[in-house]
Structure formats: C-alpha cells, structure tokens
Amino acid sequence: MHNIRLENLLLIDIETVPEHSSFEELSEDWKTLWEEKVQRLLPENVTTAEFYPQRAGVMAEFSKVVCISIGFFILNDNAIQLRLKSYYGEDEKILLEAFIAAMQKLDVNKNNRSFTGHNIKEFDIPFICRRLLINGLSIPSVLNFQNMKPWETNMVDTFQYWRFGDYKHYTSLKLLAASLQVPSPKDDIDGSMVGDVYWKEKNLERIVTYCQKDVITTGNIILRFKNLPLLTEDNIEIVK
C-alpha cells in the first residue's frame, strides 16, 4: 500500500435497490425466476415473497443501481483533500451513461487510475458491468477486467488488503473502520435499509449521502493504511 500513489486512486461506491417495490409486482415469469434463484438461500420460515425485499437489491438480475459515488485525492502542500461526485437518479441507463462518460473524461487508463473501494472486486465493479449489459450498454475498456488475471486488474480493494491472503475472512466496511479508528459512515442508514428508503420513503438524496459517506470512509481507511492523517470536513469537497 505504501507504494500506491494517492493521486492515482479513484474511489468508488454504489447503492442498489430491488427493481420493484415488492415481489407481487413481478410478472409471473419473473416470480418463477426469483423462486429458482433463491430456493437454496431461503432462511427457515421465510417465504420467497418475503425474501425479495431483503435480498433482491444485491442480485444484479433483480435490482438496479440508483447511485454511484466517486472520489479522488488532491494533494496540496498543507493537506490531502478529497473531491466527491455522485451520479444518481430513477433512470438507471441515464445514470450509467453519465458515469461512463465521466470515466472517459477522466481518461482512467491513460492516467493510471485504479478503482478503489471496499469489496469492489466481488460486488461493485461486477454489478456495474452486469447492469451495463442488461441496459444494452457496452462495457468500456476501463471496466473490462473479464479476461485479466487477478494481479492484472487495476483495482485497490480495502477488503482484499485487510484479508492478507486469508480467504475465509470477511470484514464489513463498518467493522474495518471501527478497527482502524476511522469515523464510521453508518450514522444514518445501513445497506439493509436502502431499498425501503428508496421505495417507501422516496428519499434518493438520503441514499446519495449514505453512498458518499462510504467513499469518504474508504478514503480514510486508505490513509490509515498509509499512516497518514485522516480527512477533516474542511478537506472534503462535494461537487454537484
């Protein structure tokens, strides 16, 4: 981690929700597909309909992206700053197109930027790629890791770093932040609540704030890994 340049990191986090507010809104064909998908995952005494709002949001075939937040470090003489930008909305295709356009504008490959986040290798990046294809969009070269060997992928994953090669070990962002004495982002909602906030509260802005806090926390974890001072509110800029 000490050899990784902060200015080359592109921090990222996504928030996802079920495509429909309830199981009952699915077509009969999709109800069957859902039942087939989760039949081995169902907890005892939980029906497939009850399981839908609990788990559909993390399964790319049954959910959609509602927010992608990105951030990058800016190095000044006196302090390290973090600049944030979020892409969000009801229309997932428009959101994804805006995100891809931003990646092309940043020229991620040319500038040797590395996508950085917590569990992005197993969740965020694959999820985005699946939803791009579902929306009829091409996967850009900056996200085309499909045929790369693990050590060739241009990603920095704090979840993987914390494993130290122990593949039986799972640590949430909240637990890792607490362990490293990084201020926790979970002061409002958690991942299990995002679907309800979106479908019942109709409060997308609250989800965006939650997503941005995760990016900030990941940034502070990176700084902690490098034994550098944590970000303060004065050193964080959110671009609208």
Protein backbone atom coordinates (compact mmCIF):
# COMPACT_ATOMS: atom_id res chain seq x y z
CA MET A 1 0.00 0.00 0.00
CA HIS A 2 2.88 2.38 0.71
CA ASN A 3 3.91 2.22 -2.96
CA ILE A 4 0.45 3.25 -4.19
CA ARG A 5 0.14 6.92 -5.11
CA LEU A 6 -2.93 8.60 -3.62
CA GLU A 7 -3.45 10.75 -6.71
CA ASN A 8 -3.84 7.60 -8.84
CA LEU A 9 -6.78 6.25 -6.83
CA LEU A 10 -10.38 6.60 -8.00
CA LEU A 11 -12.61 5.79 -5.02
CA ILE A 12 -15.99 4.29 -5.83
CA ASP A 13 -19.12 3.02 -4.11
CA ILE A 14 -22.55 2.08 -5.44
CA GLU A 15 -26.03 1.77 -3.97
CA THR A 16 -28.53 -0.69 -5.41
CA VAL A 17 -32.22 -1.42 -4.82
CA PRO A 18 -34.74 -4.05 -6.00
CA GLU A 19 -36.15 -3.14 -9.41
CA HIS A 20 -39.66 -3.42 -7.97
CA SER A 21 -41.02 -2.39 -4.61
CA SER A 22 -42.35 -5.87 -3.83
CA PHE A 23 -42.44 -9.45 -5.07
CA GLU A 24 -46.07 -9.03 -6.09
CA GLU A 25 -45.09 -6.51 -8.78
CA LEU A 26 -43.03 -9.08 -10.67
CA SER A 27 -44.51 -10.80 -13.70
CA GLU A 28 -45.34 -14.48 -13.30
CA ASP A 29 -42.23 -15.45 -15.28
CA TRP A 30 -40.00 -13.31 -13.08
CA LYS A 31 -41.63 -14.63 -9.92
CA THR A 32 -40.62 -18.12 -11.05
CA LEU A 33 -37.10 -16.96 -11.88
CA TRP A 34 -36.79 -15.39 -8.43
CA GLU A 35 -38.00 -18.55 -6.72
CA GLU A 36 -35.47 -20.60 -8.67
CA LYS A 37 -32.69 -18.15 -7.84
CA VAL A 38 -33.20 -18.15 -4.08
CA GLN A 39 -34.58 -21.59 -3.30
CA ARG A 40 -31.29 -22.68 -1.70
CA LEU A 41 -30.80 -19.39 0.13
CA LEU A 42 -34.13 -19.08 1.90
CA PRO A 43 -33.90 -18.84 5.70
CA GLU A 44 -36.24 -21.06 7.69
CA ASN A 45 -39.82 -19.76 7.90
CA VAL A 46 -39.23 -17.06 5.25
CA THR A 47 -41.21 -17.16 2.01
CA THR A 48 -39.78 -16.27 -1.39
CA ALA A 49 -42.03 -13.19 -1.41
CA GLU A 50 -40.74 -12.04 1.99
CA PHE A 51 -37.15 -12.68 0.88
CA TYR A 52 -37.47 -10.44 -2.18
CA PRO A 53 -37.11 -7.03 -0.43
CA GLN A 54 -34.38 -8.50 1.78
CA ARG A 55 -32.07 -9.79 -0.95
CA ALA A 56 -33.15 -8.68 -4.43
CA GLY A 57 -31.18 -5.45 -4.10
CA VAL A 58 -27.83 -7.26 -4.19
CA MET A 59 -28.64 -9.54 -7.11
CA ALA A 60 -27.93 -7.82 -10.41
CA GLU A 61 -30.66 -9.67 -12.32
CA PHE A 62 -33.35 -8.36 -9.96
CA SER A 63 -32.11 -4.91 -8.99
CA LYS A 64 -30.77 -1.64 -10.31
CA VAL A 65 -28.11 0.93 -9.49
CA VAL A 66 -29.51 4.17 -8.06
CA CYS A 67 -26.27 5.90 -7.10
CA ILE A 68 -22.57 5.74 -7.99
CA SER A 69 -20.28 8.00 -5.98
CA ILE A 70 -16.67 8.56 -6.97
CA GLY A 71 -13.87 10.44 -5.26
CA PHE A 72 -10.25 11.27 -5.83
CA PHE A 73 -7.47 12.72 -3.72
CA ILE A 74 -5.93 16.09 -4.42
CA LEU A 75 -2.52 16.67 -2.87
CA ASN A 76 -1.76 20.18 -1.64
CA ASP A 77 1.24 21.43 0.27
CA ASN A 78 -0.68 21.74 3.53
CA ALA A 79 -3.23 18.91 3.37
CA ILE A 80 -4.73 15.99 1.49
CA GLN A 81 -8.13 16.79 0.02
CA LEU A 82 -10.88 14.52 -1.31
CA ARG A 83 -13.23 15.62 -4.09
CA LEU A 84 -16.53 13.75 -4.49
CA LYS A 85 -19.09 13.49 -7.28
CA SER A 86 -22.25 11.35 -7.37
CA TYR A 87 -24.29 10.06 -10.29
CA TYR A 88 -27.81 9.13 -9.30
CA GLY A 89 -31.40 9.01 -10.43
CA GLU A 90 -34.50 6.96 -11.15
CA ASP A 91 -33.41 6.06 -14.70
CA GLU A 92 -30.55 3.58 -14.35
CA LYS A 93 -29.50 3.73 -18.00
CA ILE A 94 -29.04 7.51 -17.90
CA LEU A 95 -27.12 7.17 -14.62
CA LEU A 96 -24.78 4.54 -16.08
CA GLU A 97 -24.21 6.56 -19.25
CA ALA A 98 -23.26 9.61 -17.17
CA PHE A 99 -20.87 7.52 -15.10
CA ILE A 100 -19.17 6.03 -18.16
CA ALA A 101 -18.86 9.48 -19.75
CA ALA A 102 -17.14 10.69 -16.57
CA MET A 103 -14.71 7.76 -16.67
CA GLN A 104 -13.85 8.57 -20.27
CA LYS A 105 -13.38 12.25 -19.42
CA LEU A 106 -11.03 11.32 -16.57
CA ASP A 107 -9.20 9.04 -19.03
CA VAL A 108 -8.79 6.40 -16.33
CA ASN A 109 -6.47 4.12 -18.31
CA LYS A 110 -4.18 6.83 -19.60
CA ASN A 111 -3.83 8.43 -16.18
CA ASN A 112 -3.11 5.07 -14.49
CA ARG A 113 -6.01 5.46 -12.11
CA SER A 114 -7.01 2.47 -10.00
CA PHE A 115 -10.62 1.87 -8.99
CA THR A 116 -10.59 1.80 -5.20
CA GLY A 117 -13.22 0.70 -2.71
CA HIS A 118 -14.37 -1.90 -0.21
CA ASN A 119 -15.27 -5.26 -1.79
CA ILE A 120 -15.39 -3.69 -5.26
CA LYS A 121 -13.76 -6.73 -6.87
CA GLU A 122 -16.60 -9.01 -5.82
CA PHE A 123 -19.52 -6.58 -5.80
CA ASP A 124 -19.40 -3.00 -7.13
CA ILE A 125 -17.44 -3.47 -10.36
CA PRO A 126 -19.08 -6.79 -11.43
CA PHE A 127 -22.50 -5.34 -10.56
CA ILE A 128 -21.95 -2.27 -12.73
CA CYS A 129 -20.78 -4.43 -15.63
CA ARG A 130 -23.84 -6.71 -15.40
CA ARG A 131 -26.21 -3.77 -15.28
CA LEU A 132 -24.48 -2.15 -18.26
CA LEU A 133 -25.19 -5.24 -20.34
CA ILE A 134 -28.77 -5.53 -19.06
CA ASN A 135 -29.33 -1.92 -20.14
CA GLY A 136 -27.93 -2.60 -23.60
CA LEU A 137 -24.71 -0.66 -22.97
CA SER A 138 -21.18 -1.76 -23.84
CA ILE A 139 -18.64 -2.36 -21.11
CA PRO A 140 -15.93 0.29 -21.55
CA SER A 141 -12.26 -0.68 -21.56
CA VAL A 142 -11.77 0.89 -18.12
CA LEU A 143 -14.08 -1.77 -16.65
CA ASN A 144 -13.14 -4.70 -18.89
CA PHE A 145 -11.41 -6.92 -16.36
CA GLN A 146 -13.09 -10.12 -17.56
CA ASN A 147 -10.05 -11.77 -19.16
CA MET A 148 -7.40 -10.37 -16.84
CA LYS A 149 -5.51 -12.36 -14.25
CA PRO A 150 -6.20 -11.25 -10.65
CA TRP A 151 -2.87 -9.42 -10.40
CA GLU A 152 -3.51 -7.57 -13.66
CA THR A 153 -6.74 -5.88 -12.60
CA ASN A 154 -6.33 -2.19 -11.91
CA MET A 155 -8.20 -2.21 -8.60
CA VAL A 156 -7.35 -1.44 -4.99
CA ASP A 157 -9.79 -3.25 -2.71
CA THR A 158 -9.57 -2.48 1.01
CA PHE A 159 -11.50 -5.68 1.74
CA GLN A 160 -8.85 -7.73 -0.06
CA TYR A 161 -5.99 -5.82 1.56
CA TRP A 162 -7.39 -6.48 5.02
CA ARG A 163 -7.63 -10.19 4.28
CA PHE A 164 -3.84 -10.50 3.99
CA GLY A 165 -4.35 -13.66 1.94
CA ASP A 166 -6.89 -15.21 4.35
CA TYR A 167 -9.79 -16.04 2.02
CA LYS A 168 -12.02 -17.28 4.85
CA HIS A 169 -12.06 -13.84 6.41
CA TYR A 170 -14.86 -11.30 5.82
CA THR A 171 -14.86 -7.82 7.29
CA SER A 172 -17.52 -5.19 6.60
CA LEU A 173 -16.59 -1.58 5.91
CA LYS A 174 -18.16 -0.58 9.23
CA LEU A 175 -16.08 -3.10 11.20
CA LEU A 176 -12.87 -2.25 9.39
CA ALA A 177 -13.43 1.46 10.00
CA ALA A 178 -14.05 0.83 13.70
CA SER A 179 -10.95 -1.39 13.97
CA LEU A 180 -8.78 1.33 12.43
CA GLN A 181 -10.42 4.10 14.49
CA VAL A 182 -11.87 5.72 11.40
CA PRO A 183 -15.17 7.60 11.91
CA SER A 184 -18.00 5.27 10.90
CA PRO A 185 -20.25 6.16 7.96
CA LYS A 186 -23.17 4.21 9.41
CA ASP A 187 -24.75 7.06 11.35
CA ASP A 188 -27.99 7.24 9.39
CA ILE A 189 -28.93 4.11 7.42
CA ASP A 190 -27.30 0.81 6.56
CA GLY A 191 -27.36 -1.37 3.48
CA SER A 192 -30.42 -3.31 4.60
CA MET A 193 -32.46 -0.10 4.71
CA VAL A 194 -31.61 1.32 1.27
CA GLY A 195 -34.48 -0.44 -0.51
CA ASP A 196 -37.07 0.89 1.93
CA VAL A 197 -35.60 4.40 1.82
CA TYR A 198 -35.89 4.31 -1.97
CA TRP A 199 -39.30 2.66 -2.40
CA LYS A 200 -41.17 3.67 0.76
CA GLU A 201 -39.61 7.00 1.76
CA LYS A 202 -38.87 8.08 -1.84
CA ASN A 203 -35.73 9.71 -0.45
CA LEU A 204 -32.98 9.26 -3.01
CA GLU A 205 -30.97 12.16 -1.61
CA ARG A 206 -30.60 10.30 1.68
CA ILE A 207 -29.17 7.30 -0.22
CA VAL A 208 -26.73 9.56 -2.08
CA THR A 209 -25.46 10.99 1.21
CA TYR A 210 -25.02 7.47 2.56
CA CYS A 211 -23.08 6.45 -0.56
CA GLN A 212 -20.80 9.48 -0.31
CA LYS A 213 -20.06 8.73 3.33
CA ASP A 214 -18.89 5.25 2.35
CA VAL A 215 -16.49 6.77 -0.18
CA ILE A 216 -15.14 9.15 2.47
CA THR A 217 -14.71 6.29 4.92
CA THR A 218 -12.87 4.21 2.32
CA GLY A 219 -10.61 7.18 1.65
CA ASN A 220 -9.81 7.46 5.35
CA ILE A 221 -9.08 3.74 5.54
CA ILE A 222 -6.60 4.13 2.68
CA LEU A 223 -4.98 7.00 4.57
CA ARG A 224 -4.84 4.87 7.73
CA PHE A 225 -3.19 2.05 5.76
CA LYS A 226 -0.55 4.57 4.68
CA ASN A 227 -0.17 6.06 8.19
CA LEU A 228 -1.34 9.47 7.03
CA PRO A 229 -3.67 11.93 8.81
CA LEU A 230 -7.39 11.39 8.28
CA LEU A 231 -9.58 13.74 6.27
CA THR A 232 -11.42 16.53 8.02
CA GLU A 233 -14.66 18.14 6.86
CA ASP A 234 -12.67 21.13 5.59
CA ASN A 235 -10.69 18.82 3.30
CA ILE A 236 -13.73 17.22 1.61
CA GLU A 237 -15.41 18.83 -1.40
CA ILE A 238 -18.69 17.50 -2.83
CA VAL A 239 -19.23 18.57 -6.44
CA LYS A 240 -22.86 18.86 -7.53
